[in-house]
N, C-alpha and C. Protein backbone atom coordinates (compact mmCIF):
# COMPACT_ATOMS: atom_id res chain seq x y z
N MET A 1 128.99 76.25 18.52
CA MET A 1 130.60 74.41 18.38
C MET A 1 131.12 73.95 19.50
N LEU A 2 131.96 75.03 19.62
CA LEU A 2 133.50 74.71 20.25
C LEU A 2 132.49 75.35 22.35
N GLY A 3 131.35 75.85 22.30
CA GLY A 3 130.70 75.51 23.77
C GLY A 3 130.05 74.18 24.03
N ARG A 4 129.88 73.56 22.83
CA ARG A 4 129.00 71.80 23.06
C ARG A 4 129.89 70.72 22.89
N TRP A 5 131.49 71.49 22.17
CA TRP A 5 132.23 70.26 22.15
C TRP A 5 132.88 70.30 23.75
N PHE A 6 132.94 71.46 24.52
CA PHE A 6 133.59 71.31 25.62
C PHE A 6 132.60 70.49 26.75
N GLU A 7 131.48 70.91 26.52
CA GLU A 7 130.66 70.33 27.30
C GLU A 7 130.82 68.75 27.27
N LYS A 8 130.71 68.03 26.52
CA LYS A 8 131.09 67.28 26.41
C LYS A 8 132.68 65.89 26.16
N LYS A 9 133.21 66.88 26.84
CA LYS A 9 134.57 66.58 26.79
C LYS A 9 135.45 67.16 28.03
N GLN A 10 134.67 67.18 28.81
CA GLN A 10 134.67 67.86 30.10
C GLN A 10 135.90 67.01 31.27
N VAL A 11 136.53 65.94 30.20
CA VAL A 11 137.97 65.73 31.10
C VAL A 11 139.30 65.72 31.14
N SER A 12 140.23 66.67 31.40
CA SER A 12 141.00 67.33 31.56
C SER A 12 142.41 66.64 32.60
N ASP A 13 143.28 66.77 30.99
CA ASP A 13 144.91 66.34 31.42
C ASP A 13 145.30 66.88 32.03
N LEU A 14 145.06 67.91 33.36
CA LEU A 14 145.18 69.32 33.88
C LEU A 14 144.99 68.69 35.30
N PRO A 15 145.63 68.78 36.31
CA PRO A 15 144.56 68.50 37.80
C PRO A 15 144.03 69.98 37.70
N ALA A 16 142.85 69.88 38.90
CA ALA A 16 142.08 70.42 39.44
C ALA A 16 142.38 71.38 39.81
N SER A 17 143.41 71.41 40.32
CA SER A 17 143.75 72.62 41.31
C SER A 17 144.57 73.95 40.59
N VAL A 18 144.85 73.11 39.11
CA VAL A 18 145.65 74.06 38.18
C VAL A 18 144.92 75.02 37.82
N ALA A 19 145.00 76.46 37.72
CA ALA A 19 143.73 77.85 37.31
C ALA A 19 143.88 78.45 36.67
N GLY A 20 142.83 78.31 35.46
CA GLY A 20 142.34 78.59 34.51
C GLY A 20 142.29 77.81 33.35
N PHE A 21 143.09 76.74 33.88
CA PHE A 21 142.55 75.63 32.36
C PHE A 21 140.90 74.63 32.83
N SER A 22 140.66 74.10 31.96
CA SER A 22 139.48 73.46 31.62
C SER A 22 139.07 72.84 31.20
N GLY A 23 139.29 71.19 31.15
CA GLY A 23 139.22 70.57 29.65
C GLY A 23 139.88 70.16 28.76
N PRO A 24 139.84 69.56 27.11
CA PRO A 24 140.78 69.61 26.53
C PRO A 24 140.73 70.83 26.00
N ARG A 25 142.06 71.09 24.76
CA ARG A 25 142.56 71.82 23.66
C ARG A 25 141.33 71.42 22.46
N VAL A 26 140.95 72.20 22.20
CA VAL A 26 140.36 72.25 20.68
C VAL A 26 140.91 73.01 19.29
N PRO A 27 141.01 72.68 18.43
CA PRO A 27 142.19 73.02 16.81
C PRO A 27 141.29 74.02 16.13
N ARG A 28 141.41 75.30 16.36
CA ARG A 28 140.88 76.06 15.78
C ARG A 28 142.03 76.96 14.70
N HIS A 29 141.16 77.40 13.13
CA HIS A 29 142.01 78.15 12.35
C HIS A 29 142.23 78.81 12.59
N SER A 30 143.25 79.62 12.12
CA SER A 30 143.56 80.82 12.66
C SER A 30 144.01 82.04 11.43
N GLY A 31 143.84 82.53 10.81
CA GLY A 31 144.07 83.43 9.87
C GLY A 31 145.03 84.26 10.15
N GLY A 32 144.79 85.28 11.38
CA GLY A 32 145.71 85.79 11.99
C GLY A 32 146.87 85.38 12.21
N TRP A 33 146.95 84.18 13.23
CA TRP A 33 147.51 83.58 13.22
C TRP A 33 148.76 83.14 12.71
N SER A 34 148.03 82.70 11.28
CA SER A 34 149.06 82.10 10.49
C SER A 34 149.73 83.02 9.42
N VAL A 35 149.34 84.51 9.49
CA VAL A 35 149.91 85.84 9.15
C VAL A 35 151.52 85.56 10.04
N LEU A 36 150.99 85.73 11.53
CA LEU A 36 151.62 86.23 12.30
C LEU A 36 152.93 85.45 12.63
N ARG A 37 152.36 83.99 12.44
CA ARG A 37 153.91 83.43 12.55
C ARG A 37 155.04 83.06 11.99
N LYS A 38 154.38 83.81 10.09
CA LYS A 38 155.46 83.78 9.10
C LYS A 38 156.20 84.41 9.85
N ARG A 39 155.38 85.98 10.43
CA ARG A 39 156.74 86.89 10.73
C ARG A 39 157.74 86.49 11.76
N LEU A 40 157.25 85.56 12.65
CA LEU A 40 157.59 85.16 14.05
C LEU A 40 159.00 84.08 13.40
N GLN A 41 158.85 83.30 12.02
CA GLN A 41 159.32 82.24 11.95
C GLN A 41 160.92 82.82 11.66
N ALA A 42 160.38 84.52 10.64
CA ALA A 42 161.55 84.75 9.22
C ALA A 42 162.11 85.83 10.60
N GLU A 43 161.74 86.53 11.75
CA GLU A 43 162.90 87.77 12.60
C GLU A 43 162.90 86.79 13.68
N PRO A 44 164.02 86.72 14.11
CA PRO A 44 164.04 86.14 15.38
C PRO A 44 164.89 87.65 16.10
N GLY A 45 164.17 87.36 17.32
CA GLY A 45 164.29 88.70 18.55
C GLY A 45 163.75 89.25 18.89
N LEU A 46 162.24 88.38 19.03
CA LEU A 46 161.52 90.24 18.84
C LEU A 46 161.15 89.44 20.53
N ARG A 47 160.26 90.65 20.63
CA ARG A 47 159.60 90.42 22.33
C ARG A 47 158.11 90.40 21.92
N ILE A 48 157.59 89.82 22.60
CA ILE A 48 156.28 89.61 22.49
C ILE A 48 155.89 89.55 23.99
N ILE A 49 154.68 89.78 23.83
CA ILE A 49 153.42 90.33 25.43
C ILE A 49 152.55 88.59 24.60
N ASP A 50 152.07 87.77 25.39
CA ASP A 50 151.22 87.40 25.62
C ASP A 50 149.68 87.66 26.71
N VAL A 51 148.92 87.57 26.40
CA VAL A 51 148.00 87.73 27.49
C VAL A 51 147.31 87.07 27.74
N GLY A 52 147.20 86.74 28.89
CA GLY A 52 146.53 85.35 29.44
C GLY A 52 146.66 84.73 30.22
N TYR A 53 146.66 83.79 31.09
CA TYR A 53 147.20 82.64 31.76
C TYR A 53 148.15 81.90 31.10
N THR A 54 148.95 81.98 32.33
CA THR A 54 150.23 80.90 31.45
C THR A 54 150.20 79.76 30.54
N SER A 55 150.89 79.80 29.03
CA SER A 55 150.55 78.71 28.38
C SER A 55 151.72 78.40 28.41
N PRO A 56 152.94 77.58 29.13
CA PRO A 56 153.72 76.82 28.83
C PRO A 56 153.75 76.55 27.32
N ALA A 57 153.34 75.89 26.85
CA ALA A 57 153.33 75.91 25.20
C ALA A 57 153.34 76.96 24.22
N ASN A 58 152.74 77.85 24.26
CA ASN A 58 153.69 79.66 23.36
C ASN A 58 154.58 79.75 24.48
N ILE A 59 154.89 79.30 25.09
CA ILE A 59 155.99 79.88 25.78
C ILE A 59 157.43 78.95 25.07
N ASN A 60 157.35 77.89 24.92
CA ASN A 60 157.95 77.16 24.83
C ASN A 60 158.40 76.83 22.95
N TYR A 61 157.23 77.22 22.14
CA TYR A 61 157.39 77.70 21.12
C TYR A 61 158.13 79.08 20.65
N LEU A 62 157.49 79.95 21.41
CA LEU A 62 158.20 81.14 20.30
C LEU A 62 159.47 81.08 21.06
N THR A 63 159.55 80.87 22.35
CA THR A 63 161.49 81.24 23.21
C THR A 63 161.93 79.63 21.84
N SER A 64 161.74 78.65 21.37
CA SER A 64 162.32 78.42 20.52
C SER A 64 162.23 78.87 19.05
N LEU A 65 162.08 80.05 18.71
CA LEU A 65 162.09 80.99 17.41
C LEU A 65 162.94 82.06 17.87
N GLY A 66 163.74 82.06 19.15
CA GLY A 66 164.06 83.01 19.64
C GLY A 66 163.97 83.93 20.12
N HIS A 67 162.39 84.01 19.47
CA HIS A 67 162.25 85.32 21.08
C HIS A 67 162.14 85.18 22.48
N SER A 68 161.71 86.44 23.12
CA SER A 68 161.64 86.67 24.44
C SER A 68 160.22 86.97 24.72
N VAL A 69 159.25 86.23 25.42
CA VAL A 69 158.13 86.46 26.00
C VAL A 69 157.52 86.95 27.34
N PHE A 70 156.97 88.18 27.74
CA PHE A 70 156.11 88.42 28.39
C PHE A 70 154.69 88.42 28.84
N LEU A 71 154.25 87.66 30.06
CA LEU A 71 153.42 87.30 29.86
C LEU A 71 152.06 88.62 31.26
N ALA A 72 150.79 89.13 30.62
CA ALA A 72 150.84 90.17 31.45
C ALA A 72 148.97 88.86 31.31
N ASP A 73 148.17 88.52 32.51
CA ASP A 73 146.74 87.81 32.62
C ASP A 73 146.52 89.51 33.03
N LEU A 74 145.53 90.18 32.02
CA LEU A 74 145.27 91.10 31.67
C LEU A 74 143.43 91.15 32.29
N VAL A 75 142.83 89.89 32.16
CA VAL A 75 141.23 89.97 32.18
C VAL A 75 141.61 89.81 34.20
N ASN A 76 142.25 88.54 34.50
CA ASN A 76 142.37 88.16 35.82
C ASN A 76 142.61 89.21 36.72
N ASP A 77 144.03 90.51 36.37
CA ASP A 77 143.95 91.38 37.15
C ASP A 77 142.86 91.69 36.92
N ALA A 78 141.85 92.17 35.76
CA ALA A 78 141.13 93.50 36.56
C ALA A 78 139.94 92.30 37.45
N CYS A 79 139.47 91.54 36.59
CA CYS A 79 138.59 90.88 37.73
C CYS A 79 138.75 90.73 38.92
N SER A 80 139.55 91.09 39.92
CA SER A 80 139.97 90.53 40.84
C SER A 80 139.40 91.91 41.62
N ASN A 81 139.08 92.99 41.39
CA ASN A 81 138.46 93.77 42.63
C ASN A 81 139.47 94.84 43.05
N ASP A 82 140.37 94.70 42.06
CA ASP A 82 141.26 94.66 43.96
C ASP A 82 141.62 96.92 43.07
N TRP A 83 141.52 97.10 42.19
CA TRP A 83 140.82 98.26 41.41
C TRP A 83 140.11 99.13 41.20
N LYS A 84 138.68 98.81 41.85
CA LYS A 84 137.28 99.03 42.05
C LYS A 84 137.93 100.25 43.25
N MET A 85 137.18 101.64 43.27
CA MET A 85 137.87 102.84 44.33
C MET A 85 136.36 103.19 44.58
N GLY A 86 135.24 102.28 44.64
CA GLY A 86 134.24 102.93 44.89
C GLY A 86 132.99 103.15 43.37
N ALA A 87 131.98 103.34 43.77
CA ALA A 87 131.25 104.00 42.60
C ALA A 87 130.85 105.27 42.99
N ASP A 88 130.34 105.70 41.72
CA ASP A 88 129.89 106.99 41.42
C ASP A 88 128.25 107.14 41.68
N GLU A 89 127.65 108.35 41.65
CA GLU A 89 125.84 108.65 42.27
C GLU A 89 125.11 107.98 41.48
N ASP A 90 125.67 107.60 40.51
CA ASP A 90 124.60 106.78 39.49
C ASP A 90 124.98 105.04 39.83
N GLY A 91 125.57 104.66 40.51
CA GLY A 91 126.38 103.31 41.45
C GLY A 91 127.31 102.11 40.13
N ASN A 92 127.54 102.64 39.39
CA ASN A 92 128.98 102.78 37.91
C ASN A 92 129.95 102.94 39.12
N PRO A 93 131.01 101.49 39.28
CA PRO A 93 131.70 101.62 39.56
C PRO A 93 132.78 101.99 39.44
N ILE A 94 134.04 102.87 40.05
CA ILE A 94 134.68 103.77 39.19
C ILE A 94 136.82 103.07 39.47
N TRP A 95 136.95 102.72 38.70
CA TRP A 95 138.58 102.26 39.12
C TRP A 95 139.69 103.43 38.99
N ASN A 96 140.61 102.95 39.51
CA ASN A 96 141.79 102.75 40.08
C ASN A 96 143.50 102.67 38.28
N VAL A 97 142.60 102.68 37.67
CA VAL A 97 143.00 103.00 35.69
C VAL A 97 144.54 102.59 36.27
N THR A 98 144.77 103.76 37.20
CA THR A 98 146.79 104.36 37.22
C THR A 98 147.50 102.74 37.58
N GLY A 99 146.69 102.51 38.65
CA GLY A 99 147.29 100.91 39.83
C GLY A 99 147.43 100.10 38.90
N TYR A 100 146.02 99.86 38.20
CA TYR A 100 146.05 98.90 37.60
C TYR A 100 147.10 98.76 35.82
N LEU A 101 147.14 100.09 35.17
CA LEU A 101 148.48 99.42 34.18
C LEU A 101 149.00 99.85 34.55
N GLU A 102 150.16 99.80 36.21
CA GLU A 102 151.24 99.83 36.51
C GLU A 102 151.76 98.55 36.91
N GLN A 103 150.59 97.93 37.75
CA GLN A 103 150.70 96.17 38.01
C GLN A 103 150.40 95.29 36.86
N ALA A 104 149.35 95.21 36.09
CA ALA A 104 149.18 94.43 35.00
C ALA A 104 150.46 94.92 33.63
N LEU A 105 150.73 95.30 33.12
CA LEU A 105 151.53 96.46 32.64
C LEU A 105 152.60 97.15 33.03
N ASN A 106 153.58 96.63 33.68
CA ASN A 106 154.36 96.99 33.81
C ASN A 106 155.40 96.52 33.17
N PHE A 107 156.02 96.97 32.20
CA PHE A 107 156.87 96.70 31.56
C PHE A 107 158.77 97.10 31.78
N SER A 108 158.59 98.08 32.79
CA SER A 108 160.25 98.57 33.59
C SER A 108 160.98 99.27 32.06
N GLY A 109 159.98 100.02 31.56
CA GLY A 109 160.26 100.54 30.45
C GLY A 109 161.24 99.90 28.62
N ARG A 110 160.90 98.05 29.16
CA ARG A 110 160.93 97.93 27.49
C ARG A 110 159.80 97.44 26.66
N THR A 111 160.44 97.78 25.35
CA THR A 111 158.76 97.59 24.42
C THR A 111 159.04 96.45 23.25
N PHE A 112 158.35 96.26 23.04
CA PHE A 112 157.24 94.81 22.51
C PHE A 112 157.58 95.44 20.52
N ASP A 113 157.50 94.33 20.38
CA ASP A 113 157.60 94.25 18.77
C ASP A 113 155.80 93.29 17.89
N VAL A 114 155.61 92.32 19.53
CA VAL A 114 154.24 91.55 18.77
C VAL A 114 153.61 91.66 20.16
N VAL A 115 152.42 91.58 20.32
CA VAL A 115 151.66 91.13 20.90
C VAL A 115 150.44 90.01 20.39
N LEU A 116 149.81 89.37 21.68
CA LEU A 116 149.09 88.10 21.42
C LEU A 116 147.73 88.53 22.58
N LEU A 117 147.19 89.36 21.72
CA LEU A 117 145.94 89.84 22.61
C LEU A 117 144.54 88.71 22.73
N TRP A 118 144.62 88.56 22.26
CA TRP A 118 143.40 86.97 22.12
C TRP A 118 141.83 87.75 22.33
N THR A 119 141.17 86.99 22.76
CA THR A 119 139.57 88.23 23.28
C THR A 119 140.17 89.17 24.60
N ALA A 120 141.01 89.66 25.27
CA ALA A 120 140.87 89.63 26.77
C ALA A 120 140.04 91.25 26.67
N LEU A 121 140.42 92.12 25.33
CA LEU A 121 139.86 93.52 25.94
C LEU A 121 137.68 93.10 25.63
N ASP A 122 137.59 92.03 24.95
CA ASP A 122 136.14 91.42 25.53
C ASP A 122 135.73 91.14 26.49
N TYR A 123 136.51 91.49 27.52
CA TYR A 123 136.22 90.76 28.73
C TYR A 123 136.58 91.97 29.92
N LEU A 124 137.24 92.76 29.19
CA LEU A 124 137.59 93.78 30.44
C LEU A 124 136.87 94.88 30.83
N PRO A 125 136.46 95.52 31.94
CA PRO A 125 135.81 97.12 31.97
C PRO A 125 136.48 97.32 31.29
N GLU A 126 134.80 97.83 30.89
CA GLU A 126 134.52 99.65 29.81
C GLU A 126 135.64 100.26 30.33
N ALA A 127 136.30 101.33 31.42
CA ALA A 127 136.85 101.73 31.90
C ALA A 127 138.38 101.53 31.69
N LEU A 128 138.45 100.35 31.37
CA LEU A 128 139.95 99.78 31.11
C LEU A 128 140.29 99.97 29.92
N VAL A 129 139.50 99.65 29.02
CA VAL A 129 139.65 99.28 27.30
C VAL A 129 140.67 100.08 26.96
N ALA A 130 139.89 101.64 26.91
CA ALA A 130 141.12 102.20 26.10
C ALA A 130 142.06 102.93 26.55
N PRO A 131 142.18 102.83 27.98
CA PRO A 131 144.08 103.04 28.48
C PRO A 131 144.49 101.71 28.29
N VAL A 132 144.35 100.49 28.35
CA VAL A 132 145.18 99.36 27.95
C VAL A 132 145.31 99.08 26.24
N VAL A 133 144.56 99.99 25.25
CA VAL A 133 145.24 100.08 24.34
C VAL A 133 146.12 101.20 24.00
N GLU A 134 145.79 101.77 24.73
CA GLU A 134 146.78 103.16 24.53
C GLU A 134 147.95 103.12 25.49
N HIS A 135 147.98 102.45 26.31
CA HIS A 135 149.48 101.71 26.65
C HIS A 135 150.21 101.29 26.25
N LEU A 136 149.32 100.21 25.30
CA LEU A 136 149.79 99.00 24.42
C LEU A 136 151.50 100.08 23.37
N HIS A 137 149.80 100.81 22.96
CA HIS A 137 150.33 101.33 21.61
C HIS A 137 152.03 101.87 22.01
N ARG A 138 151.92 102.78 23.00
CA ARG A 138 153.32 103.09 23.42
C ARG A 138 154.22 102.15 23.84
N SER A 139 154.58 101.34 24.88
CA SER A 139 154.63 100.46 24.53
C SER A 139 155.28 99.60 23.50
N LEU A 140 154.58 99.97 22.43
CA LEU A 140 155.55 98.72 21.07
C LEU A 140 155.95 99.59 20.31
N ASN A 141 157.64 99.26 19.53
CA ASN A 141 158.09 99.48 18.59
C ASN A 141 157.10 100.12 16.82
N PRO A 142 157.69 100.92 16.18
CA PRO A 142 157.26 100.78 15.53
C PRO A 142 157.68 100.05 14.07
N GLY A 143 155.78 99.67 14.07
CA GLY A 143 155.42 98.25 13.16
C GLY A 143 155.82 97.87 13.74
N ALA A 144 155.68 97.26 15.07
CA ALA A 144 154.81 95.45 16.09
C ALA A 144 153.33 95.99 15.49
N ASP A 145 152.63 94.46 16.05
CA ASP A 145 152.16 93.84 15.38
C ASP A 145 151.44 93.61 16.80
N VAL A 146 149.56 93.77 16.47
CA VAL A 146 148.72 93.35 17.86
C VAL A 146 148.22 92.00 17.19
N LEU A 147 148.15 91.05 17.56
CA LEU A 147 147.04 89.92 17.12
C LEU A 147 145.70 89.75 17.97
N ALA A 148 144.64 90.23 17.94
CA ALA A 148 143.53 90.68 18.61
C ALA A 148 142.30 90.14 17.82
N PHE A 149 141.49 89.51 18.48
CA PHE A 149 139.97 88.45 18.62
C PHE A 149 139.49 89.08 19.28
N PHE A 150 137.95 89.24 18.23
CA PHE A 150 136.99 90.02 18.80
C PHE A 150 135.90 89.09 19.34
N HIS A 151 134.92 88.26 20.21
CA HIS A 151 133.63 88.45 19.95
C HIS A 151 132.42 89.53 19.42
N THR A 152 132.12 88.61 18.25
CA THR A 152 131.19 89.42 17.70
C THR A 152 129.42 89.09 17.74
N ARG A 153 129.27 88.68 19.27
CA ARG A 153 127.69 89.15 19.76
C ARG A 153 128.38 88.31 21.14
N THR A 154 127.06 89.00 21.90
CA THR A 154 127.07 88.82 23.19
C THR A 154 126.75 87.40 24.62
N LYS A 155 126.14 87.05 23.68
CA LYS A 155 125.27 85.84 23.70
C LYS A 155 125.66 83.98 23.11
N GLY A 156 125.46 83.08 23.53
CA GLY A 156 125.39 82.26 23.33
C GLY A 156 127.16 81.27 23.53
N GLU A 157 127.27 79.98 23.78
CA GLU A 157 128.16 79.13 23.63
C GLU A 157 128.85 79.59 23.91
N GLU A 158 129.76 80.15 22.15
CA GLU A 158 130.77 80.81 21.86
C GLU A 158 131.52 82.28 22.44
N THR A 159 130.70 82.60 24.13
CA THR A 159 130.70 83.74 24.32
C THR A 159 131.67 83.38 25.69
N VAL A 160 132.27 82.37 25.63
CA VAL A 160 132.88 81.62 27.23
C VAL A 160 134.38 82.07 27.34
N ASN A 161 135.44 82.13 27.74
CA ASN A 161 136.44 83.13 28.14
C ASN A 161 137.24 81.62 27.70
N CYS A 162 138.16 81.83 26.72
CA CYS A 162 138.47 81.33 26.38
C CYS A 162 140.91 81.41 26.54
N ARG A 163 141.19 80.14 27.07
CA ARG A 163 143.16 81.34 26.86
C ARG A 163 143.20 79.74 24.84
N TYR A 164 144.08 80.57 24.24
CA TYR A 164 144.61 80.44 23.52
C TYR A 164 146.09 79.57 23.18
N HIS A 165 146.74 78.58 22.67
CA HIS A 165 147.82 78.23 23.10
C HIS A 165 148.10 78.34 20.80
N VAL A 166 149.29 78.35 21.17
CA VAL A 166 149.72 78.27 19.63
C VAL A 166 150.12 76.94 19.57
N THR A 167 150.47 76.76 17.57
CA THR A 167 150.67 75.64 17.37
C THR A 167 151.86 75.97 16.23
N PRO A 168 152.46 74.84 15.09
CA PRO A 168 153.16 75.37 15.00
C PRO A 168 152.46 75.57 13.12
N GLY A 169 151.32 75.09 13.34
CA GLY A 169 151.06 75.72 12.02
C GLY A 169 149.85 76.46 12.46
N ASP A 170 148.85 76.47 11.23
CA ASP A 170 147.98 77.90 11.00
C ASP A 170 145.89 77.50 12.48
N ASP A 171 146.41 76.55 13.10
CA ASP A 171 146.04 76.34 13.98
C ASP A 171 146.04 76.90 15.00
N VAL A 172 145.11 77.54 16.71
CA VAL A 172 145.28 77.18 17.59
C VAL A 172 144.66 76.70 18.45
N ASP A 173 145.34 76.03 19.38
CA ASP A 173 144.19 75.49 20.40
C ASP A 173 143.69 76.15 21.14
N VAL A 174 142.31 75.81 21.84
CA VAL A 174 141.46 76.60 22.32
C VAL A 174 141.56 75.80 23.34
N GLN A 175 141.16 76.50 24.49
CA GLN A 175 141.01 75.93 26.26
C GLN A 175 139.75 76.25 27.03
N LEU A 176 138.73 76.14 27.41
CA LEU A 176 138.40 76.59 28.36
C LEU A 176 139.43 77.32 29.78
N GLY A 177 139.02 78.32 29.84
CA GLY A 177 139.64 79.13 30.81
C GLY A 177 138.54 79.47 31.74
N GLN A 178 138.87 80.60 33.02
CA GLN A 178 138.22 81.05 34.27
C GLN A 178 137.57 81.88 33.68
N GLN A 179 136.19 81.39 33.68
CA GLN A 179 135.11 81.92 33.42
C GLN A 179 134.69 83.79 33.96
N PHE A 180 134.69 84.41 33.03
CA PHE A 180 134.28 85.80 33.46
C PHE A 180 133.29 86.37 32.66
N PRO A 181 132.53 86.78 33.11
CA PRO A 181 131.25 87.55 32.34
C PRO A 181 131.71 88.44 30.83
N ILE A 182 131.39 88.72 29.49
CA ILE A 182 131.79 88.95 28.51
C ILE A 182 131.00 90.28 28.47
N GLN A 183 131.41 91.62 28.53
CA GLN A 183 131.73 93.07 28.40
C GLN A 183 130.53 93.60 27.32
N ARG A 184 131.03 92.96 26.32
CA ARG A 184 130.50 93.68 24.74
C ARG A 184 131.11 92.92 23.50
N ALA A 185 130.36 93.04 22.34
CA ALA A 185 130.57 92.25 21.16
C ALA A 185 131.33 93.96 20.75
N PHE A 186 132.59 93.75 19.75
CA PHE A 186 132.57 94.17 18.57
C PHE A 186 132.34 94.93 16.87
N THR A 187 132.06 95.93 16.95
CA THR A 187 131.90 95.46 15.40
C THR A 187 132.95 96.34 14.07
N ASN A 188 133.10 95.82 13.64
CA ASN A 188 134.15 96.81 12.93
C ASN A 188 134.67 98.26 12.69
N ARG A 189 133.47 99.41 13.04
CA ARG A 189 133.86 100.76 13.47
C ARG A 189 134.27 101.03 14.81
N SER A 190 133.40 100.10 15.93
CA SER A 190 134.38 99.99 16.77
C SER A 190 135.59 99.75 17.41
N ILE A 191 136.21 98.74 16.85
CA ILE A 191 137.44 98.41 16.67
C ILE A 191 138.42 98.94 15.97
N GLU A 192 138.17 99.56 14.78
CA GLU A 192 138.76 101.00 14.15
C GLU A 192 138.40 102.52 15.05
N LYS A 193 137.64 102.60 15.92
CA LYS A 193 137.94 103.53 16.40
C LYS A 193 138.72 103.17 17.98
N LEU A 194 138.65 102.02 18.27
CA LEU A 194 139.34 101.65 19.34
C LEU A 194 140.83 102.78 19.46
N PHE A 195 141.30 101.79 18.21
CA PHE A 195 142.80 101.27 17.67
C PHE A 195 142.93 102.89 16.73
N ALA A 196 142.20 104.49 16.74
CA ALA A 196 142.75 105.09 15.66
C ALA A 196 143.77 106.02 15.94
N GLY A 197 145.17 106.23 14.88
CA GLY A 197 146.06 106.62 15.13
C GLY A 197 146.58 105.31 14.85
N TRP A 198 146.51 104.00 15.10
CA TRP A 198 147.64 102.55 14.85
C TRP A 198 147.54 102.90 13.38
N SER A 199 148.54 102.53 12.41
CA SER A 199 148.92 102.34 10.90
C SER A 199 148.36 101.74 10.09
N GLY A 200 147.40 100.87 10.45
CA GLY A 200 146.78 99.77 10.14
C GLY A 200 146.54 98.66 10.57
N HIS A 201 145.36 97.57 9.98
CA HIS A 201 144.86 96.71 10.51
C HIS A 201 144.70 95.11 9.21
N ARG A 202 144.36 94.06 9.48
CA ARG A 202 144.49 93.19 8.10
C ARG A 202 143.56 92.29 9.36
N GLN A 203 142.37 92.24 8.78
CA GLN A 203 141.21 91.20 9.93
C GLN A 203 140.51 90.37 8.62
N PHE A 204 141.13 89.42 9.59
CA PHE A 204 140.10 88.07 8.74
C PHE A 204 139.23 86.94 9.13
N LEU A 205 138.16 86.75 8.26
CA LEU A 205 136.45 86.38 9.19
C LEU A 205 136.90 85.32 9.95
N ALA A 206 136.24 85.06 10.71
CA ALA A 206 135.80 83.38 11.11
C ALA A 206 134.49 82.85 11.63
N LYS A 207 134.23 81.67 11.52
CA LYS A 207 132.64 81.16 11.31
C LYS A 207 132.26 81.34 12.57
N ASP A 208 133.03 81.63 13.35
CA ASP A 208 132.18 80.55 14.88
C ASP A 208 132.02 82.33 15.95
N SER A 209 131.18 83.11 15.05
CA SER A 209 131.56 84.28 15.98
C SER A 209 132.47 84.91 16.66
N VAL A 210 133.63 84.92 15.77
CA VAL A 210 134.81 85.67 16.76
C VAL A 210 135.72 86.13 15.77
N SER A 211 136.00 87.47 15.23
CA SER A 211 137.04 88.01 13.78
C SER A 211 138.32 88.26 14.56
N GLU A 212 138.91 87.57 14.08
CA GLU A 212 140.21 88.55 14.05
C GLU A 212 141.02 89.85 13.24
N VAL A 213 141.65 89.65 13.94
CA VAL A 213 142.38 91.12 13.48
C VAL A 213 143.63 91.12 13.57
N ILE A 214 144.90 91.97 12.68
CA ILE A 214 146.04 92.37 13.04
C ILE A 214 145.57 93.61 13.22
N MET A 215 146.89 93.92 14.24
CA MET A 215 146.59 95.47 14.21
C MET A 215 147.86 95.97 13.90
N SER A 216 148.15 97.09 13.21
CA SER A 216 150.31 97.64 12.73
C SER A 216 150.18 98.85 14.25
N ARG A 217 151.28 98.49 14.40
CA ARG A 217 151.63 100.26 15.43
C ARG A 217 152.81 101.39 14.22
C-alpha cells in the first residue's frame, strides 16, 4: 500500500538536493509509538537516540518535551563502503566492525533512555547487526526502551527504506528515504534471539508487513 501511494505522489515539498527524503509523508498508525510517547510525555529529561537521516520534526517534538536527542544514521554510514576490509576466501566482505561502531555510535561516554531504532536492522549488513544491538545494550540505562520496526518479508513494495517522523498523536509519518537493499526479514524467534539478555519486550501487530517491538533494557 505505501509503495503505490508513494509512486502516485512523487511531489516533494523539499528540494531534490536534500538527501534522504523523497516525496510526501504518509501517516501510519503505530502502537509502539503510542505507548512510548506516553512515557516521553510523563518523564522529561530523557536522552534519546533517533536513528536515521536528520528529522527536524523529531528533534523539535522531542526537545519540546524536555528531552535531548542524539542522531545516528546507522544504515547510511554502513552502506558507505568505508568499513569494508576486503573479502574472505568465499568472497564475503570483511567488515571493520570496531571502526564502524566507533564512528556511527560514538556517544562519548553518554548513556541513554530511549532509542528510536525504526527499521535500521533490516538494512544493515549481517556482520554489523549483532554488534550494533550489543553496543546499544551497553549504552543504555536500566529500564531504557528501544522502539524497533521489522519487515516480515524481503520482497514487495513495502520493503522500501523509509524515514519515520514522530507526531503528537498515535501516528508516525512515513517518507521515502535513500534506497538501500533490504537485507533480511525478522521472525519473532529471530528478534528474541537477537535481543537475548534484555529484560523484556512488547510486540505490536501491524497490517503492512512491518511488525513493531518495544525492547526494554
